[in-house]
C-alpha atoms as a PDB file:
ATOM      1  CA  MET A   1       0.352   0.436   0.000  1.00  0.00           C
ATOM      2  CA  GLN A   2       1.199   3.040  -1.380  1.00  0.00           C
ATOM      3  CA  LYS A   3       1.912   6.304   1.723  1.00  0.00           C
ATOM      4  CA  SER A   4       0.185   8.672  -0.541  1.00  0.00           C
ATOM      5  CA  HIS A   5      -3.375   9.558   0.815  1.00  0.00           C
ATOM      6  CA  LEU A   6      -5.424  12.236   1.879  1.00  0.00           C
ATOM      7  CA  VAL A   7      -5.948  12.005   5.500  1.00  0.00           C
ATOM      8  CA  GLY A   8      -9.036  14.385   6.006  1.00  0.00           C
ATOM      9  CA  PRO A   9      -8.874  18.294   4.760  1.00  0.00           C
ATOM     10  CA  GLY A  10      -5.068  18.355   5.827  1.00  0.00           C
ATOM     11  CA  PRO A  11      -2.365  18.218   3.272  1.00  0.00           C
ATOM     12  CA  LEU A  12      -1.234  14.725   0.940  1.00  0.00           C
ATOM     13  CA  ILE A  13       0.210  12.778   3.301  1.00  0.00           C
ATOM     14  CA  GLN A  14       3.962  10.936   2.670  1.00  0.00           C
ATOM     15  CA  ALA A  15       6.395  10.705   5.000  1.00  0.00           C
ATOM     16  CA  LEU A  16       4.166  10.279   7.853  1.00  0.00           C
ATOM     17  CA  ASP A  17       4.194   6.567   9.331  1.00  0.00           C
ATOM     18  CA  LEU A  18       0.024   6.366   9.992  1.00  0.00           C
ATOM     19  CA  HIS A  19       0.030   3.910  11.974  1.00  0.00           C
ATOM     20  CA  ASP A  20       1.764   6.311  14.582  1.00  0.00           C
ATOM     21  CA  TRP A  21      -0.823   9.122  13.466  1.00  0.00           C
ATOM     22  CA  ALA A  22      -4.063   7.192  13.889  1.00  0.00           C
ATOM     23  CA  ALA A  23      -2.946   5.798  17.151  1.00  0.00           C
ATOM     24  CA  SER A  24      -2.320   9.335  18.896  1.00  0.00           C
ATOM     25  CA  THR A  25      -5.948  10.301  17.000  1.00  0.00           C
ATOM     26  CA  GLY A  26      -6.971   7.628  19.019  1.00  0.00           C
ATOM     27  CA  ARG A  27      -5.638   8.353  22.134  1.00  0.00           C
ATOM     28  CA  ALA A  28      -6.532  12.318  21.615  1.00  0.00           C
ATOM     29  CA  MET A  29     -10.247  11.340  20.920  1.00  0.00           C
ATOM     30  CA  ALA A  30     -10.749   9.155  23.904  1.00  0.00           C
ATOM     31  CA  SER A  31      -9.523  11.704  26.764  1.00  0.00           C
ATOM     32  CA  ASN A  32     -11.862  14.430  24.975  1.00  0.00           C
ATOM     33  CA  LEU A  33     -14.272  11.982  25.430  1.00  0.00           C
ATOM     34  CA  ALA A  34     -13.723  11.172  28.963  1.00  0.00           C
ATOM     35  CA  HIS A  35     -13.500  14.664  30.115  1.00  0.00           C
ATOM     36  CA  THR A  36     -16.437  15.264  28.063  1.00  0.00           C
ATOM     37  CA  ALA A  37     -18.278  13.104  29.665  1.00  0.00           C
ATOM     38  CA  ARG A  38     -16.518  13.769  33.104  1.00  0.00           C
ATOM     39  CA  ALA A  39     -17.761  17.338  32.822  1.00  0.00           C
ATOM     40  CA  LEU A  40     -21.414  16.346  31.964  1.00  0.00           C
ATOM     41  CA  ALA A  41     -21.322  14.012  35.053  1.00  0.00           C
ATOM     42  CA  GLU A  42     -20.791  16.693  37.118  1.00  0.00           C
ATOM     43  CA  ASN A  43     -22.857  19.279  35.552  1.00  0.00           C
ATOM     44  CA  PRO A  44     -25.878  17.585  33.376  1.00  0.00           C
ATOM     45  CA  LEU A  45     -27.580  18.822  30.767  1.00  0.00           C
ATOM     46  CA  PRO A  46     -31.163  19.617  31.061  1.00  0.00           C
ATOM     47  CA  ALA A  47     -33.500  17.989  29.212  1.00  0.00           C
ATOM     48  CA  PRO A  48     -35.012  20.069  25.751  1.00  0.00           C
ATOM     49  CA  PRO A  49     -38.055  21.776  26.204  1.00  0.00           C
ATOM     50  CA  SER A  50     -41.144  19.443  24.575  1.00  0.00           C
END
């Protein structure tokens, strides 16, 4: 498989190891999800009006 891929809205990726990119992106997404869940547990949003 070639390493020339368009990844999202960013530039053409040629020299980047896509596994490392995917792993670091996954860690960032998991961290964002965990922090969001904690924030919502502490300050839940009210249900929308019907």
